[in-house]
């Protein structure tokens, strides 16, 4: 039967693997933006995408690749772009179509 140290190691290893997978997926998404001609005029796009990726990983608190409304609101505030609850819902609606 594994002891507490072994259990903590396993949880830590699983967390690390989850974060690595999440980072690979976000890097793939960033590459799609960088290759999309719609965004070719965007100034400092690689730096912006990198900053957003880091913040996203910081606020994906459940590590499931999703950020709930309140976490997204906090993220926007920390990025210096505060939004009201209704603005957040509208923004999500525009992206998801719901």
C-alpha atoms as a PDB file:
ATOM      1  CA  UNK A   1       0.000   0.000   0.000  1.00  0.00           C
ATOM      2  CA  UNK A   2       1.524   3.349  -1.057  1.00  0.00           C
ATOM      3  CA  UNK A   3       2.283   5.798   1.722  1.00  0.00           C
ATOM      4  CA  UNK A   4       1.500   9.543   1.780  1.00  0.00           C
ATOM      5  CA  UNK A   5       4.752  10.482   0.055  1.00  0.00           C
ATOM      6  CA  UNK A   6       4.063   8.086  -2.820  1.00  0.00           C
ATOM      7  CA  UNK A   7       0.491   9.372  -3.176  1.00  0.00           C
ATOM      8  CA  UNK A   8       1.661  13.004  -3.262  1.00  0.00           C
ATOM      9  CA  UNK A   9       4.254  12.133  -5.902  1.00  0.00           C
ATOM     10  CA  UNK A  10       1.623  10.451  -8.059  1.00  0.00           C
ATOM     11  CA  UNK A  11      -0.729  13.428  -7.800  1.00  0.00           C
ATOM     12  CA  UNK A  12       2.150  15.771  -8.603  1.00  0.00           C
ATOM     13  CA  UNK A  13       3.190  13.694 -11.596  1.00  0.00           C
ATOM     14  CA  UNK A  14      -0.398  13.559 -12.889  1.00  0.00           C
ATOM     15  CA  UNK A  15      -0.723  17.327 -12.451  1.00  0.00           C
ATOM     16  CA  UNK A  16       2.541  17.862 -14.336  1.00  0.00           C
ATOM     17  CA  UNK A  17       1.399  15.620 -17.188  1.00  0.00           C
ATOM     18  CA  UNK A  18      -1.943  17.431 -17.338  1.00  0.00           C
ATOM     19  CA  UNK A  19      -0.239  20.827 -17.451  1.00  0.00           C
ATOM     20  CA  UNK A  20       2.181  19.628 -20.160  1.00  0.00           C
ATOM     21  CA  UNK A  21      -0.732  18.383 -22.279  1.00  0.00           C
ATOM     22  CA  UNK A  22      -2.560  21.667 -21.728  1.00  0.00           C
ATOM     23  CA  UNK A  23       0.534  23.642 -22.737  1.00  0.00           C
ATOM     24  CA  UNK A  24       0.930  21.601 -25.955  1.00  0.00           C
ATOM     25  CA  UNK A  25      -2.723  22.198 -26.856  1.00  0.00           C
ATOM     26  CA  UNK A  26      -2.453  25.936 -26.230  1.00  0.00           C
ATOM     27  CA  UNK A  27       0.753  26.104 -28.298  1.00  0.00           C
ATOM     28  CA  UNK A  28      -1.135  24.400 -31.135  1.00  0.00           C
ATOM     29  CA  UNK A  29      -3.939  26.971 -30.875  1.00  0.00           C
ATOM     30  CA  UNK A  30      -1.397  29.803 -30.882  1.00  0.00           C
ATOM     31  CA  UNK A  31       0.215  28.400 -34.051  1.00  0.00           C
ATOM     32  CA  UNK A  32      -3.209  28.443 -35.729  1.00  0.00           C
ATOM     33  CA  UNK A  33      -3.592  32.156 -34.916  1.00  0.00           C
ATOM     34  CA  UNK A  34      -0.071  32.917 -36.119  1.00  0.00           C
ATOM     35  CA  UNK A  35      -0.736  31.190 -39.450  1.00  0.00           C
ATOM     36  CA  UNK A  36      -4.166  32.797 -39.950  1.00  0.00           C
ATOM     37  CA  UNK A  37      -3.977  35.709 -42.415  1.00  0.00           C
ATOM     38  CA  UNK A  38      -6.799  37.479 -40.538  1.00  0.00           C
ATOM     39  CA  UNK A  39      -4.327  38.256 -37.760  1.00  0.00           C
ATOM     40  CA  UNK A  40      -1.266  39.057 -39.881  1.00  0.00           C
ATOM     41  CA  UNK A  41      -1.589  42.797 -39.175  1.00  0.00           C
ATOM     42  CA  UNK A  42      -1.845  42.288 -35.408  1.00  0.00           C
ATOM     43  CA  UNK A  43       1.108  43.976 -33.741  1.00  0.00           C
ATOM     44  CA  UNK A  44       3.264  41.783 -31.459  1.00  0.00           C
ATOM     45  CA  UNK A  45       0.966  38.797 -31.946  1.00  0.00           C
ATOM     46  CA  UNK A  46       3.436  36.107 -30.782  1.00  0.00           C
ATOM     47  CA  UNK A  47       4.106  37.993 -27.549  1.00  0.00           C
ATOM     48  CA  UNK A  48       0.407  38.624 -26.942  1.00  0.00           C
ATOM     49  CA  UNK A  49      -0.485  34.984 -27.542  1.00  0.00           C
ATOM     50  CA  UNK A  50       2.279  33.842 -25.232  1.00  0.00           C
ATOM     51  CA  UNK A  51       1.075  36.179 -22.482  1.00  0.00           C
ATOM     52  CA  UNK A  52      -2.523  35.025 -22.924  1.00  0.00           C
ATOM     53  CA  UNK A  53      -1.430  31.378 -22.813  1.00  0.00           C
ATOM     54  CA  UNK A  54       0.400  31.900 -19.526  1.00  0.00           C
ATOM     55  CA  UNK A  55      -2.580  33.715 -18.017  1.00  0.00           C
ATOM     56  CA  UNK A  56      -4.981  31.067 -19.289  1.00  0.00           C
ATOM     57  CA  UNK A  57      -2.988  28.325 -17.647  1.00  0.00           C
ATOM     58  CA  UNK A  58      -2.924  30.361 -14.444  1.00  0.00           C
ATOM     59  CA  UNK A  59      -6.708  30.710 -14.379  1.00  0.00           C
ATOM     60  CA  UNK A  60      -7.688  27.230 -15.547  1.00  0.00           C
ATOM     61  CA  UNK A  61      -8.145  26.315 -11.917  1.00  0.00           C
ATOM     62  CA  UNK A  62      -9.718  22.901 -12.483  1.00  0.00           C
ATOM     63  CA  UNK A  63      -7.142  21.968 -15.151  1.00  0.00           C
ATOM     64  CA  UNK A  64      -9.879  20.795 -17.493  1.00  0.00           C
ATOM     65  CA  UNK A  65      -9.134  23.276 -20.252  1.00  0.00           C
ATOM     66  CA  UNK A  66     -12.100  25.446 -19.362  1.00  0.00           C
ATOM     67  CA  UNK A  67     -12.437  28.673 -17.413  1.00  0.00           C
ATOM     68  CA  UNK A  68     -15.755  29.470 -15.777  1.00  0.00           C
ATOM     69  CA  UNK A  69     -17.346  32.910 -15.965  1.00  0.00           C
ATOM     70  CA  UNK A  70     -15.971  34.222 -12.664  1.00  0.00           C
ATOM     71  CA  UNK A  71     -12.454  32.959 -13.409  1.00  0.00           C
ATOM     72  CA  UNK A  72     -12.607  34.633 -16.821  1.00  0.00           C
ATOM     73  CA  UNK A  73     -13.803  37.855 -15.186  1.00  0.00           C
ATOM     74  CA  UNK A  74     -10.862  37.754 -12.748  1.00  0.00           C
ATOM     75  CA  UNK A  75      -8.492  37.043 -15.627  1.00  0.00           C
ATOM     76  CA  UNK A  76      -9.729  40.028 -17.617  1.00  0.00           C
ATOM     77  CA  UNK A  77      -9.342  42.266 -14.561  1.00  0.00           C
ATOM     78  CA  UNK A  78      -5.752  41.103 -14.004  1.00  0.00           C
ATOM     79  CA  UNK A  79      -5.009  41.733 -17.692  1.00  0.00           C
ATOM     80  CA  UNK A  80      -6.215  45.304 -17.199  1.00  0.00           C
ATOM     81  CA  UNK A  81      -9.424  44.880 -19.191  1.00  0.00           C
ATOM     82  CA  UNK A  82     -12.175  44.675 -16.568  1.00  0.00           C
ATOM     83  CA  UNK A  83     -15.620  43.670 -17.804  1.00  0.00           C
ATOM     84  CA  UNK A  84     -19.022  43.582 -16.174  1.00  0.00           C
ATOM     85  CA  UNK A  85     -20.870  40.303 -15.704  1.00  0.00           C
ATOM     86  CA  UNK A  86     -23.137  41.164 -18.660  1.00  0.00           C
ATOM     87  CA  UNK A  87     -20.180  42.101 -20.871  1.00  0.00           C
ATOM     88  CA  UNK A  88     -18.586  38.767 -20.041  1.00  0.00           C
ATOM     89  CA  UNK A  89     -21.768  36.874 -20.919  1.00  0.00           C
ATOM     90  CA  UNK A  90     -22.013  38.772 -24.217  1.00  0.00           C
ATOM     91  CA  UNK A  91     -18.351  38.049 -25.014  1.00  0.00           C
ATOM     92  CA  UNK A  92     -18.836  34.344 -24.292  1.00  0.00           C
ATOM     93  CA  UNK A  93     -22.003  34.324 -26.384  1.00  0.00           C
ATOM     94  CA  UNK A  94     -20.154  35.873 -29.336  1.00  0.00           C
ATOM     95  CA  UNK A  95     -17.456  33.207 -29.153  1.00  0.00           C
ATOM     96  CA  UNK A  96     -19.623  30.175 -28.458  1.00  0.00           C
ATOM     97  CA  UNK A  97     -22.813  31.183 -30.249  1.00  0.00           C
ATOM     98  CA  UNK A  98     -24.848  30.461 -27.097  1.00  0.00           C
END
